[in-house]
């Protein structure tokens, strides 16, 4: 018995989230974000990298809170609109299900289609690509590499 042919609907679009940071906007798949929570001061530890802001409580867990800007050679910034995006961990570690990312505001849902225009800009560390979405230039982060950075620093 032959397998039925699988067809791809090229008119289908994906849903992404534009996540505002202090110095750039990230584009994440909608499914990468588990929850957006109010900013709470993290429990910090001595001798950690500047991009590791400390641990924050979420549900019954304690999550590592990161500054993407600082992890990709920028500066961490906690502004008046600071929030915490709880991200689903993608690195395949059984003991790490979520990580927390400091964001500046509320992410905005956006429909993406195959005609997405790439942006010709210099990428920072931990950025896979950049795209133009109307008047917004969004950076696509390497979330697996971000999680690996935590592991390399012995923080997860």
N, C-alpha and C. Protein backbone atom coordinates (compact mmCIF):
# COMPACT_ATOMS: atom_id res chain seq x y z
N UNK A 1 0.85 -1.17 0.00
CA UNK A 1 0.00 0.00 0.00
C UNK A 1 0.90 1.24 0.00
N UNK A 2 0.66 2.16 -0.89
CA UNK A 2 1.51 3.35 -0.98
C UNK A 2 1.07 4.41 0.03
N UNK A 3 2.04 5.21 0.41
CA UNK A 3 1.79 6.31 1.34
C UNK A 3 1.13 7.47 0.60
N UNK A 4 0.18 8.16 1.24
CA UNK A 4 -0.40 9.32 0.59
C UNK A 4 0.63 10.45 0.50
N UNK A 5 0.53 11.22 -0.54
CA UNK A 5 1.44 12.35 -0.71
C UNK A 5 1.11 13.43 0.31
N UNK A 6 2.16 14.05 0.85
CA UNK A 6 1.97 15.14 1.80
C UNK A 6 2.14 16.44 1.03
N UNK A 7 1.16 17.27 1.12
CA UNK A 7 1.24 18.56 0.43
C UNK A 7 1.45 19.65 1.46
N UNK A 8 2.15 20.67 1.04
CA UNK A 8 2.42 21.80 1.92
C UNK A 8 1.61 22.99 1.46
N UNK A 9 0.91 23.59 2.40
CA UNK A 9 0.11 24.77 2.10
C UNK A 9 1.01 25.99 2.20
N UNK A 10 1.45 26.52 1.06
CA UNK A 10 2.37 27.65 1.08
C UNK A 10 1.69 28.95 1.47
N UNK A 11 0.37 28.97 1.52
CA UNK A 11 -0.31 30.19 1.94
C UNK A 11 -0.42 30.26 3.46
N UNK A 12 -0.06 29.18 4.15
CA UNK A 12 -0.16 29.15 5.62
C UNK A 12 0.89 30.09 6.22
N UNK A 13 0.53 30.66 7.35
CA UNK A 13 1.48 31.52 8.04
C UNK A 13 1.69 31.00 9.45
N UNK A 14 2.80 31.39 10.03
CA UNK A 14 3.13 31.05 11.40
C UNK A 14 2.89 32.27 12.28
N UNK A 15 2.73 32.02 13.56
CA UNK A 15 2.58 33.13 14.49
C UNK A 15 3.87 33.28 15.28
N UNK A 16 4.37 34.49 15.32
CA UNK A 16 5.57 34.80 16.08
C UNK A 16 5.27 35.85 17.11
N UNK A 17 6.24 36.09 17.98
CA UNK A 17 6.13 37.15 18.98
C UNK A 17 7.29 38.11 18.81
N UNK A 18 6.96 39.39 18.72
CA UNK A 18 7.98 40.43 18.73
C UNK A 18 8.20 40.79 20.19
N UNK A 19 9.40 40.51 20.67
CA UNK A 19 9.74 40.68 22.08
C UNK A 19 10.67 41.88 22.23
N UNK A 20 10.19 42.96 22.88
CA UNK A 20 11.02 44.15 23.01
C UNK A 20 12.09 44.00 24.09
N UNK A 21 13.32 44.32 23.72
CA UNK A 21 14.42 44.38 24.67
C UNK A 21 14.84 45.84 24.78
N UNK A 22 15.85 46.12 25.56
CA UNK A 22 16.30 47.50 25.73
C UNK A 22 16.90 48.07 24.44
N UNK A 23 17.64 47.23 23.70
CA UNK A 23 18.36 47.75 22.53
C UNK A 23 18.00 47.08 21.21
N UNK A 24 17.03 46.18 21.22
CA UNK A 24 16.63 45.50 19.99
C UNK A 24 15.30 44.79 20.22
N UNK A 25 14.76 44.24 19.16
CA UNK A 25 13.53 43.45 19.24
C UNK A 25 13.84 42.05 18.76
N UNK A 26 13.42 41.06 19.55
CA UNK A 26 13.61 39.67 19.15
C UNK A 26 12.34 39.14 18.51
N UNK A 27 12.50 38.22 17.59
CA UNK A 27 11.37 37.50 17.00
C UNK A 27 11.49 36.05 17.45
N UNK A 28 10.48 35.60 18.19
CA UNK A 28 10.45 34.23 18.71
C UNK A 28 9.23 33.51 18.16
N UNK A 29 9.33 32.20 18.01
CA UNK A 29 8.12 31.45 17.69
C UNK A 29 7.15 31.57 18.87
N UNK A 30 5.89 31.65 18.58
CA UNK A 30 4.86 31.78 19.61
C UNK A 30 5.00 30.70 20.67
N UNK A 31 5.32 29.49 20.26
CA UNK A 31 5.41 28.36 21.18
C UNK A 31 6.65 28.39 22.07
N UNK A 32 7.59 29.28 21.80
CA UNK A 32 8.80 29.36 22.63
C UNK A 32 8.51 30.00 23.98
N UNK A 33 7.48 30.84 24.05
CA UNK A 33 7.18 31.56 25.29
C UNK A 33 6.08 30.83 26.05
N UNK A 34 6.43 30.39 27.26
CA UNK A 34 5.46 29.68 28.11
C UNK A 34 4.54 30.66 28.82
N UNK A 35 5.10 31.79 29.28
CA UNK A 35 4.31 32.76 30.03
C UNK A 35 5.09 34.07 30.15
N UNK A 36 4.36 35.16 30.27
CA UNK A 36 4.95 36.46 30.55
C UNK A 36 4.53 36.83 31.97
N UNK A 37 5.50 37.15 32.83
CA UNK A 37 5.19 37.47 34.22
C UNK A 37 5.76 38.83 34.57
N UNK A 38 5.22 39.47 35.62
CA UNK A 38 5.77 40.75 36.04
C UNK A 38 7.23 40.59 36.48
N UNK A 39 7.99 41.66 36.31
CA UNK A 39 9.39 41.64 36.75
C UNK A 39 9.43 41.54 38.26
N UNK A 40 10.30 40.71 38.74
CA UNK A 40 10.58 40.64 40.17
C UNK A 40 12.09 40.58 40.32
N UNK A 41 12.61 41.25 41.31
CA UNK A 41 14.05 41.29 41.51
C UNK A 41 14.58 39.88 41.70
N UNK A 42 15.58 39.50 40.93
CA UNK A 42 16.10 38.15 41.04
C UNK A 42 16.98 37.98 42.28
N UNK A 43 17.08 36.75 42.73
CA UNK A 43 17.99 36.40 43.80
C UNK A 43 19.35 36.21 43.14
N UNK A 44 20.26 37.15 43.37
CA UNK A 44 21.53 37.12 42.66
C UNK A 44 22.59 36.35 43.45
N UNK A 45 23.65 36.00 42.76
CA UNK A 45 24.77 35.27 43.36
C UNK A 45 26.07 35.96 42.97
N UNK A 46 27.03 35.90 43.84
CA UNK A 46 28.34 36.50 43.58
C UNK A 46 29.11 35.68 42.54
N UNK A 47 29.94 36.36 41.79
CA UNK A 47 30.84 35.69 40.86
C UNK A 47 30.18 35.11 39.61
N UNK A 48 29.03 35.64 39.23
CA UNK A 48 28.36 35.15 38.03
C UNK A 48 28.56 36.17 36.91
N UNK A 49 28.41 35.74 35.66
CA UNK A 49 28.57 36.67 34.53
C UNK A 49 27.51 37.77 34.56
N UNK A 50 27.80 38.89 33.93
CA UNK A 50 26.87 40.04 33.93
C UNK A 50 25.54 39.73 33.26
N UNK A 51 25.52 38.78 32.33
CA UNK A 51 24.29 38.43 31.63
C UNK A 51 23.37 37.55 32.47
N UNK A 52 23.91 36.96 33.54
CA UNK A 52 23.10 36.15 34.45
C UNK A 52 22.63 37.06 35.58
N UNK A 53 21.34 37.33 35.60
CA UNK A 53 20.82 38.31 36.55
C UNK A 53 20.44 37.68 37.89
N UNK A 54 20.36 36.36 37.94
CA UNK A 54 20.02 35.67 39.17
C UNK A 54 18.90 34.67 38.93
N UNK A 55 18.26 34.26 40.01
CA UNK A 55 17.18 33.28 39.95
C UNK A 55 15.86 33.97 40.28
N UNK A 56 14.81 33.60 39.57
CA UNK A 56 13.47 34.14 39.86
C UNK A 56 12.50 32.98 40.10
N UNK A 57 11.58 33.17 41.04
CA UNK A 57 10.59 32.12 41.28
C UNK A 57 9.50 32.17 40.21
N UNK A 58 9.07 31.00 39.82
CA UNK A 58 7.95 30.88 38.88
C UNK A 58 7.26 29.55 39.17
N UNK A 59 5.98 29.66 39.50
CA UNK A 59 5.21 28.49 39.90
C UNK A 59 5.96 27.79 41.03
N UNK A 60 6.27 26.52 40.90
CA UNK A 60 7.01 25.81 41.96
C UNK A 60 8.49 25.66 41.60
N UNK A 61 8.98 26.48 40.68
CA UNK A 61 10.36 26.37 40.21
C UNK A 61 11.15 27.64 40.50
N UNK A 62 12.45 27.53 40.40
CA UNK A 62 13.34 28.68 40.43
C UNK A 62 14.08 28.66 39.10
N UNK A 63 13.93 29.75 38.33
CA UNK A 63 14.48 29.80 36.96
C UNK A 63 15.66 30.76 36.87
N UNK A 64 16.64 30.44 36.04
CA UNK A 64 17.72 31.39 35.78
C UNK A 64 17.19 32.54 34.92
N UNK A 65 17.46 33.78 35.36
CA UNK A 65 17.03 34.98 34.62
C UNK A 65 18.23 35.55 33.88
N UNK A 66 18.05 35.72 32.56
CA UNK A 66 19.13 36.18 31.69
C UNK A 66 18.81 37.51 31.05
N UNK A 67 19.86 38.26 30.75
CA UNK A 67 19.75 39.44 29.91
C UNK A 67 20.32 39.06 28.55
N UNK A 68 19.46 39.01 27.53
CA UNK A 68 19.93 38.67 26.19
C UNK A 68 20.92 39.71 25.69
N UNK A 69 20.64 40.98 25.99
CA UNK A 69 21.54 42.05 25.54
C UNK A 69 22.95 41.82 26.07
N UNK A 70 23.08 41.56 27.37
CA UNK A 70 24.40 41.36 27.96
C UNK A 70 25.05 40.08 27.44
N UNK A 71 24.26 39.02 27.22
CA UNK A 71 24.80 37.76 26.71
C UNK A 71 25.33 37.91 25.29
N UNK A 72 24.82 38.89 24.55
CA UNK A 72 25.28 39.10 23.17
C UNK A 72 26.07 40.41 23.06
N UNK A 73 26.87 40.66 24.07
CA UNK A 73 27.82 41.79 24.10
C UNK A 73 27.19 43.16 24.26
N UNK A 74 26.02 43.23 24.86
CA UNK A 74 25.40 44.52 25.17
C UNK A 74 25.41 44.75 26.67
N UNK A 75 24.52 45.59 27.13
CA UNK A 75 24.43 45.91 28.55
C UNK A 75 23.07 45.49 29.10
N UNK A 76 23.04 44.86 30.30
CA UNK A 76 21.75 44.54 30.90
C UNK A 76 21.06 45.83 31.34
N UNK A 77 19.75 45.88 31.17
CA UNK A 77 19.01 47.07 31.58
C UNK A 77 17.64 46.64 32.10
N UNK A 78 17.31 47.14 33.28
CA UNK A 78 15.99 46.87 33.86
C UNK A 78 15.25 48.20 33.88
N UNK A 79 14.36 48.38 32.93
CA UNK A 79 13.61 49.63 32.81
C UNK A 79 12.28 49.55 33.52
N UNK A 80 11.53 50.64 33.44
CA UNK A 80 10.23 50.74 34.09
C UNK A 80 9.23 49.74 33.50
N UNK A 81 9.43 49.32 32.26
CA UNK A 81 8.50 48.40 31.61
C UNK A 81 9.00 46.95 31.65
N UNK A 82 9.97 46.66 32.51
CA UNK A 82 10.58 45.33 32.56
C UNK A 82 9.56 44.25 32.91
N UNK A 83 9.68 43.14 32.22
CA UNK A 83 8.89 41.95 32.46
C UNK A 83 9.82 40.75 32.33
N UNK A 84 9.31 39.59 32.64
CA UNK A 84 10.08 38.36 32.50
C UNK A 84 9.31 37.42 31.57
N UNK A 85 9.98 37.02 30.50
CA UNK A 85 9.40 36.02 29.61
C UNK A 85 9.95 34.66 30.01
N UNK A 86 9.05 33.76 30.35
CA UNK A 86 9.45 32.39 30.68
C UNK A 86 9.46 31.62 29.35
N UNK A 87 10.64 31.12 29.00
CA UNK A 87 10.83 30.43 27.73
C UNK A 87 10.91 28.93 27.94
N UNK A 88 10.35 28.18 27.03
CA UNK A 88 10.51 26.74 27.03
C UNK A 88 11.95 26.43 26.64
N UNK A 89 12.64 25.65 27.44
CA UNK A 89 14.02 25.28 27.15
C UNK A 89 14.05 24.33 25.95
N UNK A 90 15.01 24.55 25.06
CA UNK A 90 15.08 23.77 23.83
C UNK A 90 16.31 22.88 23.74
N UNK A 91 17.17 22.92 24.76
CA UNK A 91 18.45 22.24 24.70
C UNK A 91 18.44 20.75 24.96
N UNK A 92 17.29 20.19 25.30
CA UNK A 92 17.20 18.75 25.49
C UNK A 92 17.73 18.25 26.82
N UNK A 93 17.92 19.14 27.79
CA UNK A 93 18.37 18.71 29.12
C UNK A 93 17.15 18.34 29.95
N UNK A 94 17.14 17.15 30.49
CA UNK A 94 15.98 16.68 31.25
C UNK A 94 15.68 17.54 32.46
N UNK A 95 16.71 18.10 33.09
CA UNK A 95 16.51 18.88 34.31
C UNK A 95 16.22 20.36 34.05
N UNK A 96 16.25 20.79 32.79
CA UNK A 96 15.99 22.19 32.46
C UNK A 96 14.80 22.26 31.51
N UNK A 97 13.68 22.70 32.02
CA UNK A 97 12.47 22.80 31.20
C UNK A 97 12.18 24.24 30.77
N UNK A 98 12.63 25.21 31.60
CA UNK A 98 12.35 26.62 31.33
C UNK A 98 13.54 27.48 31.71
N UNK A 99 13.68 28.60 31.01
CA UNK A 99 14.61 29.65 31.41
C UNK A 99 13.84 30.97 31.34
N UNK A 100 14.33 31.98 32.03
CA UNK A 100 13.65 33.27 32.07
C UNK A 100 14.50 34.32 31.38
N UNK A 101 13.85 35.20 30.63
CA UNK A 101 14.53 36.24 29.87
C UNK A 101 13.95 37.59 30.24
N UNK A 102 14.82 38.53 30.57
CA UNK A 102 14.38 39.89 30.88
C UNK A 102 13.96 40.57 29.59
N UNK A 103 12.75 41.11 29.57
CA UNK A 103 12.25 41.84 28.40
C UNK A 103 11.76 43.21 28.85
N UNK A 104 11.57 44.10 27.89
CA UNK A 104 11.17 45.48 28.19
C UNK A 104 9.82 45.78 27.56
N UNK A 105 8.77 45.30 28.17
CA UNK A 105 7.44 45.53 27.64
C UNK A 105 6.73 44.23 27.35
N UNK A 106 5.61 44.35 26.69
CA UNK A 106 4.77 43.20 26.40
C UNK A 106 4.99 42.75 24.96
N UNK A 107 5.32 41.47 24.76
CA UNK A 107 5.50 40.97 23.40
C UNK A 107 4.21 41.13 22.59
N UNK A 108 4.40 41.32 21.29
CA UNK A 108 3.28 41.52 20.37
C UNK A 108 3.25 40.38 19.37
N UNK A 109 2.06 39.80 19.19
CA UNK A 109 1.88 38.71 18.25
C UNK A 109 1.92 39.25 16.82
N UNK A 110 2.54 38.48 15.93
CA UNK A 110 2.64 38.89 14.54
C UNK A 110 2.54 37.63 13.66
N UNK A 111 1.80 37.76 12.55
CA UNK A 111 1.70 36.68 11.58
C UNK A 111 2.91 36.75 10.66
N UNK A 112 3.51 35.60 10.43
CA UNK A 112 4.69 35.51 9.57
C UNK A 112 4.35 34.67 8.35
N UNK A 113 4.89 35.04 7.22
CA UNK A 113 4.69 34.23 6.03
C UNK A 113 6.03 34.01 5.32
N UNK A 114 6.05 33.14 4.34
CA UNK A 114 7.31 32.81 3.67
C UNK A 114 7.99 33.99 2.98
N UNK A 115 7.28 35.06 2.73
CA UNK A 115 7.88 36.21 2.04
C UNK A 115 8.58 37.17 3.00
N UNK A 116 8.84 36.72 4.20
CA UNK A 116 9.53 37.53 5.21
C UNK A 116 10.85 38.06 4.65
N UNK A 117 11.06 39.37 4.75
CA UNK A 117 12.25 40.00 4.17
C UNK A 117 13.41 39.97 5.16
N UNK A 118 14.51 39.36 4.74
CA UNK A 118 15.71 39.34 5.59
C UNK A 118 16.32 40.72 5.62
N UNK A 119 16.93 41.03 6.74
CA UNK A 119 17.59 42.32 6.93
C UNK A 119 19.10 42.12 6.81
N UNK A 120 19.74 42.95 6.02
CA UNK A 120 21.17 42.84 5.81
C UNK A 120 21.90 43.69 6.85
N UNK A 121 22.06 43.13 8.05
CA UNK A 121 22.73 43.83 9.15
C UNK A 121 23.77 42.89 9.75
N UNK A 122 24.70 43.48 10.48
CA UNK A 122 25.68 42.69 11.21
C UNK A 122 24.99 42.08 12.42
N UNK A 123 25.12 40.78 12.56
CA UNK A 123 24.49 40.08 13.67
C UNK A 123 25.39 40.08 14.90
N UNK A 124 24.78 40.21 16.06
CA UNK A 124 25.50 40.11 17.32
C UNK A 124 25.63 38.64 17.71
N UNK A 125 26.50 38.32 18.66
CA UNK A 125 26.55 36.94 19.15
C UNK A 125 25.16 36.50 19.63
N UNK A 126 24.84 35.26 19.44
CA UNK A 126 23.57 34.64 19.82
C UNK A 126 22.40 35.05 18.93
N UNK A 127 22.68 35.70 17.81
CA UNK A 127 21.64 36.02 16.83
C UNK A 127 21.85 35.17 15.58
N UNK A 128 20.78 34.52 15.15
CA UNK A 128 20.85 33.66 13.97
C UNK A 128 20.59 34.42 12.68
N UNK A 129 19.70 35.42 12.76
CA UNK A 129 19.32 36.17 11.57
C UNK A 129 18.58 37.42 12.00
N UNK A 130 18.28 38.26 11.04
CA UNK A 130 17.49 39.47 11.27
C UNK A 130 16.51 39.61 10.11
N UNK A 131 15.31 40.07 10.43
CA UNK A 131 14.27 40.24 9.41
C UNK A 131 13.60 41.60 9.58
N UNK A 132 13.00 42.06 8.50
CA UNK A 132 12.22 43.30 8.54
C UNK A 132 10.74 42.94 8.55
N UNK A 133 10.03 43.49 9.51
CA UNK A 133 8.59 43.30 9.62
C UNK A 133 7.96 44.69 9.63
N UNK A 134 7.66 45.19 8.46
CA UNK A 134 7.14 46.56 8.37
C UNK A 134 8.23 47.53 8.82
N UNK A 135 7.93 48.33 9.84
CA UNK A 135 8.90 49.30 10.34
C UNK A 135 9.77 48.75 11.46
N UNK A 136 9.67 47.45 11.75
CA UNK A 136 10.43 46.84 12.84
C UNK A 136 11.48 45.89 12.27
N UNK A 137 12.71 46.06 12.74
CA UNK A 137 13.76 45.10 12.43
C UNK A 137 13.84 44.16 13.63
N UNK A 138 13.67 42.88 13.40
CA UNK A 138 13.66 41.91 14.49
C UNK A 138 14.82 40.94 14.33
N UNK A 139 15.41 40.61 15.45
CA UNK A 139 16.53 39.66 15.49
C UNK A 139 16.01 38.29 15.92
N UNK A 140 16.50 37.26 15.28
CA UNK A 140 16.11 35.89 15.62
C UNK A 140 17.21 35.32 16.51
N UNK A 141 16.88 35.07 17.78
CA UNK A 141 17.90 34.61 18.71
C UNK A 141 18.18 33.11 18.60
N UNK A 142 19.37 32.73 18.99
CA UNK A 142 19.75 31.32 19.07
C UNK A 142 19.48 30.87 20.50
N UNK A 143 18.27 30.40 20.77
CA UNK A 143 17.88 30.03 22.12
C UNK A 143 18.63 28.81 22.64
N UNK A 144 19.00 27.90 21.75
CA UNK A 144 19.77 26.72 22.17
C UNK A 144 21.16 27.17 22.63
N UNK A 145 21.77 28.09 21.89
CA UNK A 145 23.10 28.60 22.27
C UNK A 145 23.02 29.39 23.58
N UNK A 146 21.93 30.10 23.79
CA UNK A 146 21.75 30.84 25.04
C UNK A 146 21.68 29.87 26.21
N UNK A 147 20.94 28.81 26.05
CA UNK A 147 20.86 27.78 27.09
C UNK A 147 22.23 27.12 27.29
N UNK A 148 22.97 26.90 26.20
CA UNK A 148 24.31 26.30 26.31
C UNK A 148 25.24 27.23 27.06
N UNK A 149 25.09 28.53 26.89
CA UNK A 149 25.89 29.52 27.61
C UNK A 149 25.67 29.37 29.12
N UNK A 150 24.42 29.15 29.51
CA UNK A 150 24.11 28.88 30.92
C UNK A 150 24.81 27.62 31.41
N UNK A 151 24.75 26.57 30.60
CA UNK A 151 25.37 25.30 30.97
C UNK A 151 26.88 25.44 31.07
N UNK A 152 27.49 26.14 30.10
CA UNK A 152 28.93 26.33 30.10
C UNK A 152 29.42 27.09 31.33
N UNK A 153 28.57 28.00 31.84
CA UNK A 153 28.91 28.78 33.02
C UNK A 153 28.59 28.03 34.32
N UNK A 154 28.05 26.81 34.18
CA UNK A 154 27.71 26.02 35.36
C UNK A 154 26.49 26.51 36.11
N UNK A 155 25.60 27.21 35.40
CA UNK A 155 24.43 27.82 36.05
C UNK A 155 23.17 26.98 35.91
N UNK A 156 23.21 25.92 35.12
CA UNK A 156 22.08 24.97 35.03
C UNK A 156 22.63 23.57 35.06
